[in-house]
C-alpha atoms as a PDB file:
ATOM      1  CA  MET A   1      -8.169 -28.555-101.208  1.00  0.00           C
ATOM      2  CA  SER A   2      -6.734 -27.882 -97.933  1.00  0.00           C
ATOM      3  CA  PHE A   3      -3.285 -26.922 -97.010  1.00  0.00           C
ATOM      4  CA  THR A   4      -1.173 -26.516 -93.742  1.00  0.00           C
ATOM      5  CA  VAL A   5      -0.879 -22.957 -92.337  1.00  0.00           C
ATOM      6  CA  GLU A   6       2.299 -22.192 -90.380  1.00  0.00           C
ATOM      7  CA  TYR A   7       1.669 -19.698 -87.740  1.00  0.00           C
ATOM      8  CA  ASN A   8       4.904 -19.898 -85.505  1.00  0.00           C
ATOM      9  CA  ARG A   9       8.016 -21.969 -84.878  1.00  0.00           C
ATOM     10  CA  VAL A  10      10.584 -22.160 -82.252  1.00  0.00           C
ATOM     11  CA  ILE A  11      13.818 -23.976 -81.811  1.00  0.00           C
ATOM     12  CA  TYR A  12      15.467 -25.040 -78.561  1.00  0.00           C
ATOM     13  CA  LYS A  13      19.169 -26.098 -78.303  1.00  0.00           C
ATOM     14  CA  LYS A  14      21.408 -27.577 -75.801  1.00  0.00           C
ATOM     15  CA  ASP A  15      24.332 -28.070 -78.426  1.00  0.00           C
ATOM     16  CA  ARG A  16      24.431 -29.101 -82.139  1.00  0.00           C
ATOM     17  CA  HIS A  17      23.431 -32.651 -81.213  1.00  0.00           C
ATOM     18  CA  THR A  18      20.451 -31.865 -78.902  1.00  0.00           C
ATOM     19  CA  MET A  19      17.708 -29.487 -80.480  1.00  0.00           C
ATOM     20  CA  VAL A  20      14.191 -29.525 -80.502  1.00  0.00           C
ATOM     21  CA  LEU A  21      11.859 -27.785 -83.272  1.00  0.00           C
ATOM     22  CA  LEU A  22       8.246 -26.960 -82.010  1.00  0.00           C
ATOM     23  CA  VAL A  23       5.873 -25.653 -84.763  1.00  0.00           C
ATOM     24  CA  LYS A  24       2.436 -24.039 -84.415  1.00  0.00           C
ATOM     25  CA  GLN A  25       0.077 -25.110 -87.390  1.00  0.00           C
ATOM     26  CA  GLY A  26      -3.155 -25.646 -88.463  1.00  0.00           C
ATOM     27  CA  ASP A  27      -5.363 -26.679 -91.652  1.00  0.00           C
ATOM     28  CA  SER A  28      -6.937 -24.282 -93.715  1.00  0.00           C
ATOM     29  CA  ASN A  29     -10.360 -25.745 -93.763  1.00  0.00           C
ATOM     30  CA  VAL A  30     -10.543 -26.529 -89.834  1.00  0.00           C
ATOM     31  CA  TYR A  31     -11.965 -23.826 -87.869  1.00  0.00           C
ATOM     32  CA  ASP A  32     -12.503 -23.519 -84.191  1.00  0.00           C
ATOM     33  CA  SER A  33     -16.228 -23.598 -83.281  1.00  0.00           C
ATOM     34  CA  HIS A  34     -16.252 -21.153 -80.555  1.00  0.00           C
ATOM     35  CA  SER A  35     -14.105 -18.469 -82.118  1.00  0.00           C
ATOM     36  CA  ASN A  36     -14.780 -19.012 -85.803  1.00  0.00           C
ATOM     37  CA  LEU A  37     -10.826 -18.794 -86.401  1.00  0.00           C
ATOM     38  CA  ARG A  38      -8.884 -21.478 -87.911  1.00  0.00           C
ATOM     39  CA  ALA A  39      -7.981 -24.073 -85.306  1.00  0.00           C
ATOM     40  CA  LYS A  40      -4.051 -24.241 -84.565  1.00  0.00           C
ATOM     41  CA  HIS A  41      -2.056 -26.386 -82.433  1.00  0.00           C
ATOM     42  CA  TRP A  42       1.759 -26.548 -81.444  1.00  0.00           C
ATOM     43  CA  ARG A  43       3.439 -29.976 -82.401  1.00  0.00           C
ATOM     44  CA  LEU A  44       6.798 -31.218 -81.672  1.00  0.00           C
ATOM     45  CA  ALA A  45       7.961 -31.629 -85.300  1.00  0.00           C
ATOM     46  CA  ALA A  46      11.672 -32.766 -84.859  1.00  0.00           C
ATOM     47  CA  ALA A  47      14.256 -33.435 -82.203  1.00  0.00           C
ATOM     48  CA  GLY A  48      17.936 -34.586 -82.193  1.00  0.00           C
ATOM     49  CA  SER A  49      20.785 -33.066 -84.061  1.00  0.00           C
ATOM     50  CA  GLU A  50      20.735 -30.182 -86.109  1.00  0.00           C
ATOM     51  CA  LYS A  51      21.058 -32.403 -89.066  1.00  0.00           C
ATOM     52  CA  GLU A  52      17.726 -34.281 -87.805  1.00  0.00           C
ATOM     53  CA  LEU A  53      16.025 -30.749 -87.675  1.00  0.00           C
ATOM     54  CA  TRP A  54      17.021 -29.873 -91.431  1.00  0.00           C
ATOM     55  CA  LYS A  55      15.504 -33.213 -92.599  1.00  0.00           C
ATOM     56  CA  GLU A  56      12.115 -32.158 -91.185  1.00  0.00           C
ATOM     57  CA  ILE A  57      12.746 -28.397 -92.441  1.00  0.00           C
ATOM     58  CA  GLY A  58      13.515 -29.713 -95.884  1.00  0.00           C
ATOM     59  CA  ILE A  59      10.332 -31.830 -96.044  1.00  0.00           C
ATOM     60  CA  ARG A  60       8.420 -28.874 -95.035  1.00  0.00           C
ATOM     61  CA  SER A  61      10.142 -26.445 -97.333  1.00  0.00           C
ATOM     62  CA  GLY A  62       9.266 -28.793-100.273  1.00  0.00           C
ATOM     63  CA  SER A  63       5.855 -28.359 -99.448  1.00  0.00           C
ATOM     64  CA  THR A  64       5.910 -24.488 -99.688  1.00  0.00           C
ATOM     65  CA  GLU A  65       6.677 -25.050-103.523  1.00  0.00           C
ATOM     66  CA  GLY A  66       3.283 -26.334-104.276  1.00  0.00           C
ATOM     67  CA  GLY A  67       1.233 -24.335-101.763  1.00  0.00           C
ATOM     68  CA  ALA A  68       0.581 -27.252 -99.470  1.00  0.00           C
ATOM     69  CA  LEU A  69       2.275 -25.316 -96.555  1.00  0.00           C
ATOM     70  CA  GLN A  70       1.587 -21.536 -96.429  1.00  0.00           C
ATOM     71  CA  ARG A  71       2.214 -19.000 -93.737  1.00  0.00           C
ATOM     72  CA  ALA A  72      -0.371 -16.994 -91.909  1.00  0.00           C
ATOM     73  CA  LYS A  73      -1.145 -13.328 -92.742  1.00  0.00           C
ATOM     74  CA  GLY A  74      -3.382 -11.670 -90.417  1.00  0.00           C
ATOM     75  CA  TRP A  75      -6.529 -13.512 -88.999  1.00  0.00           C
ATOM     76  CA  ASN A  76      -7.657 -15.559 -92.014  1.00  0.00           C
ATOM     77  CA  GLU A  77      -5.325 -14.869 -94.872  1.00  0.00           C
ATOM     78  CA  THR A  78      -2.278 -16.998 -95.881  1.00  0.00           C
ATOM     79  CA  VAL A  79       0.541 -16.219 -98.189  1.00  0.00           C
ATOM     80  CA  TRP A  80       2.832 -18.647-100.357  1.00  0.00           C
ATOM     81  CA  TRP A  81       6.092 -18.880 -99.283  1.00  0.00           C
ATOM     82  CA  LYS A  82       9.248 -18.900-101.536  1.00  0.00           C
ATOM     83  CA  ILE A  83      11.362 -21.883-100.683  1.00  0.00           C
ATOM     84  CA  GLU A  84      14.471 -19.700-100.230  1.00  0.00           C
ATOM     85  CA  ASP A  85      12.652 -17.518 -97.766  1.00  0.00           C
ATOM     86  CA  TYR A  86      11.522 -20.610 -95.736  1.00  0.00           C
ATOM     87  CA  ILE A  87      15.007 -21.912 -95.381  1.00  0.00           C
ATOM     88  CA  LYS A  88      16.360 -18.316 -94.588  1.00  0.00           C
ATOM     89  CA  LEU A  89      13.583 -18.264 -91.807  1.00  0.00           C
ATOM     90  CA  TYR A  90      14.810 -21.397 -90.274  1.00  0.00           C
ATOM     91  CA  ARG A  91      18.493 -20.478 -90.602  1.00  0.00           C
ATOM     92  CA  SER A  92      17.917 -17.517 -88.363  1.00  0.00           C
ATOM     93  CA  LYS A  93      15.909 -19.651 -86.058  1.00  0.00           C
ATOM     94  CA  ILE A  94      18.690 -22.011 -85.628  1.00  0.00           C
ATOM     95  CA  ALA A  95      21.308 -19.498 -85.197  1.00  0.00           C
ATOM     96  CA  ASN A  96      19.143 -17.724 -82.554  1.00  0.00           C
ATOM     97  CA  ALA A  97      17.714 -20.901 -80.876  1.00  0.00           C
ATOM     98  CA  LYS A  98      16.493 -20.602 -77.211  1.00  0.00           C
ATOM     99  CA  PRO A  99      18.329 -22.440 -74.407  1.00  0.00           C
ATOM    100  CA  ILE A 100      16.586 -25.978 -74.056  1.00  0.00           C
ATOM    101  CA  ASP A 101      16.463 -25.535 -70.352  1.00  0.00           C
ATOM    102  CA  SER A 102      13.663 -23.050 -71.015  1.00  0.00           C
ATOM    103  CA  LEU A 103      11.585 -25.553 -73.160  1.00  0.00           C
ATOM    104  CA  LEU A 104       9.599 -27.021 -70.117  1.00  0.00           C
ATOM    105  CA  THR A 105       8.993 -23.438 -68.725  1.00  0.00           C
ATOM    106  CA  ASP A 106       7.352 -22.449 -72.151  1.00  0.00           C
ATOM    107  CA  PHE A 107       5.686 -25.602 -73.026  1.00  0.00           C
ATOM    108  CA  SER A 108       4.277 -28.877 -71.294  1.00  0.00           C
ATOM    109  CA  LEU A 109       4.842 -32.050 -73.180  1.00  0.00           C
ATOM    110  CA  THR A 110       3.116 -35.396 -72.798  1.00  0.00           C
ATOM    111  CA  LEU A 111       4.636 -38.398 -74.452  1.00  0.00           C
ATOM    112  CA  VAL A 112       1.665 -40.335 -75.932  1.00  0.00           C
ATOM    113  CA  ILE A 113       1.856 -44.107 -77.260  1.00  0.00           C
ATOM    114  CA  GLU A 114      -1.042 -45.757 -79.032  1.00  0.00           C
ATOM    115  CA  ARG A 115      -0.971 -49.442 -79.804  1.00  0.00           C
ATOM    116  CA  ASN A 116      -2.960 -52.256 -81.178  1.00  0.00           C
ATOM    117  CA  PRO A 117      -2.305 -55.230 -79.037  1.00  0.00           C
ATOM    118  CA  HIS A 118      -3.648 -57.570 -81.766  1.00  0.00           C
ATOM    119  CA  SER A 119      -0.954 -56.123 -84.268  1.00  0.00           C
ATOM    120  CA  LYS A 120       0.510 -58.707 -86.722  1.00  0.00           C
ATOM    121  CA  ASN A 121       3.993 -56.935 -86.352  1.00  0.00           C
ATOM    122  CA  ALA A 122       5.277 -58.997 -83.404  1.00  0.00           C
ATOM    123  CA  ASP A 123       8.709 -57.423 -83.428  1.00  0.00           C
ATOM    124  CA  LEU A 124       7.357 -53.830 -83.499  1.00  0.00           C
ATOM    125  CA  ASP A 125       4.809 -54.607 -80.766  1.00  0.00           C
ATOM    126  CA  SER A 126       7.549 -56.091 -78.295  1.00  0.00           C
ATOM    127  CA  HIS A 127       9.568 -53.064 -78.948  1.00  0.00           C
ATOM    128  CA  ILE A 128       6.730 -50.670 -78.285  1.00  0.00           C
ATOM    129  CA  THR A 129       5.776 -52.832 -75.081  1.00  0.00           C
ATOM    130  CA  THR A 130       9.286 -52.782 -73.952  1.00  0.00           C
ATOM    131  CA  ILE A 131       9.407 -48.783 -74.147  1.00  0.00           C
ATOM    132  CA  ILE A 132       5.951 -48.666 -72.277  1.00  0.00           C
ATOM    133  CA  ASP A 133       7.311 -50.951 -69.665  1.00  0.00           C
ATOM    134  CA  ASP A 134      10.794 -49.502 -69.287  1.00  0.00           C
ATOM    135  CA  PHE A 135       9.537 -45.780 -68.868  1.00  0.00           C
ATOM    136  CA  GLN A 136       6.313 -46.973 -66.914  1.00  0.00           C
ATOM    137  CA  ILE A 137       3.999 -45.226 -69.238  1.00  0.00           C
ATOM    138  CA  PRO A 138       0.322 -45.683 -67.859  1.00  0.00           C
ATOM    139  CA  TYR A 139      -2.540 -46.636 -70.021  1.00  0.00           C
ATOM    140  CA  VAL A 140      -5.072 -43.971 -69.872  1.00  0.00           C
ATOM    141  CA  GLN A 141      -7.830 -45.079 -72.425  1.00  0.00           C
ATOM    142  CA  THR A 142      -8.934 -46.752 -75.440  1.00  0.00           C
ATOM    143  CA  HIS A 143      -8.639 -44.474 -78.556  1.00  0.00           C
ATOM    144  CA  HIS A 144     -11.797 -42.748 -79.336  1.00  0.00           C
ATOM    145  CA  PHE A 145     -11.779 -43.396 -83.228  1.00  0.00           C
ATOM    146  CA  ASP A 146     -10.131 -46.678 -83.205  1.00  0.00           C
ATOM    147  CA  THR A 147     -11.486 -48.762 -80.385  1.00  0.00           C
ATOM    148  CA  SER A 148      -8.766 -51.451 -81.404  1.00  0.00           C
ATOM    149  CA  ARG A 149      -5.986 -49.026 -80.122  1.00  0.00           C
ATOM    150  CA  LEU A 150      -4.730 -48.496 -76.308  1.00  0.00           C
ATOM    151  CA  VAL A 151      -3.627 -45.084 -75.505  1.00  0.00           C
ATOM    152  CA  TYR A 152      -0.617 -44.683 -72.955  1.00  0.00           C
ATOM    153  CA  GLU A 153       0.340 -41.191 -71.709  1.00  0.00           C
ATOM    154  CA  LYS A 154       3.008 -39.654 -69.643  1.00  0.00           C
ATOM    155  CA  PRO A 155       3.801 -36.160 -68.797  1.00  0.00           C
ATOM    156  CA  VAL A 156       7.608 -35.036 -69.332  1.00  0.00           C
ATOM    157  CA  GLU A 157       8.256 -33.910 -65.738  1.00  0.00           C
ATOM    158  CA  ASN A 158      11.794 -32.449 -66.087  1.00  0.00           C
ATOM    159  CA  GLN A 159      14.847 -32.062 -68.262  1.00  0.00           C
ATOM    160  CA  VAL A 160      16.452 -35.364 -67.405  1.00  0.00           C
ATOM    161  CA  GLU A 161      13.272 -37.132 -68.693  1.00  0.00           C
ATOM    162  CA  LEU A 162      12.968 -34.852 -71.638  1.00  0.00           C
ATOM    163  CA  TYR A 163      16.722 -35.839 -72.787  1.00  0.00           C
ATOM    164  CA  THR A 164      16.079 -39.395 -72.000  1.00  0.00           C
ATOM    165  CA  TYR A 165      13.048 -39.669 -74.203  1.00  0.00           C
ATOM    166  CA  LEU A 166      14.394 -37.619 -77.001  1.00  0.00           C
ATOM    167  CA  GLU A 167      17.337 -40.111 -76.963  1.00  0.00           C
ATOM    168  CA  ARG A 168      15.550 -43.374 -76.663  1.00  0.00           C
ATOM    169  CA  ILE A 169      12.127 -42.874 -78.054  1.00  0.00           C
ATOM    170  CA  PRO A 170      11.167 -41.756 -81.704  1.00  0.00           C
ATOM    171  CA  VAL A 171       9.712 -38.252 -81.852  1.00  0.00           C
ATOM    172  CA  ASN A 172       7.052 -38.922 -84.331  1.00  0.00           C
ATOM    173  CA  PHE A 173       6.108 -42.397 -85.324  1.00  0.00           C
ATOM    174  CA  TYR A 174       3.001 -43.561 -87.248  1.00  0.00           C
ATOM    175  CA  SER A 175       1.794 -46.977 -88.700  1.00  0.00           C
ATOM    176  CA  LYS A 176      -1.288 -48.708 -88.970  1.00  0.00           C
ATOM    177  CA  ASP A 177      -1.104 -50.310 -85.556  1.00  0.00           C
ATOM    178  CA  PHE A 178       1.246 -47.905 -83.496  1.00  0.00           C
ATOM    179  CA  SER A 179       1.575 -44.314 -82.982  1.00  0.00           C
ATOM    180  CA  ILE A 180       4.267 -42.266 -80.972  1.00  0.00           C
ATOM    181  CA  PHE A 181       4.085 -38.425 -80.552  1.00  0.00           C
ATOM    182  CA  TYR A 182       4.039 -35.765 -78.049  1.00  0.00           C
ATOM    183  CA  LYS A 183       0.765 -33.465 -76.955  1.00  0.00           C
ATOM    184  CA  VAL A 184       2.191 -29.861 -76.795  1.00  0.00           C
ATOM    185  CA  ASP A 185       0.661 -27.234 -74.610  1.00  0.00           C
ATOM    186  CA  CYS A 186       2.138 -23.763 -74.668  1.00  0.00           C
ATOM    187  CA  HIS A 187       2.069 -21.821 -71.464  1.00  0.00           C
ATOM    188  CA  LYS A 188       2.654 -18.344 -73.006  1.00  0.00           C
ATOM    189  CA  THR A 189       0.726 -16.278 -75.512  1.00  0.00           C
ATOM    190  CA  ARG A 190       3.818 -15.153 -77.227  1.00  0.00           C
ATOM    191  CA  ILE A 191       6.682 -17.289 -77.932  1.00  0.00           C
END
């Protein structure tokens, strides 16, 4: 049985209503073929008000109780978290959040939308298509596993774009025919 390993986390804050949570994580049974270490990546886990971040943190903290979410210890070891310690860690992260102006210096974000143009959900398809058109998100390719899905991508260029996207587009949305998420690349070795 695999579990998620959390390696690092960072919170950026403009005010109590504009916050971003990024988490570096990987799966216990997925290894990088070059380094033979566990594969890990950064993901934009939540954005919005402090309340929105706590919703995501609450879901993740529940996973610590059963061992589905563990923390890294050294190169290949993991340790179970107590839910209290997990919450305490995030209270500290929120209290010491970095200024949101430094987010695009530390990371590059790319908005990714995947859609199946033959979806039976016409209302959702119309809404997703409106987002693609309004924000001029270009088509880049067909999805490599699910060839019925078209992939649209647009890098976040500046703070104004970041605030607009976070305000108007869901951060993480997954359904059978549609996905909205962000690709996250870290510019620094230590965050």
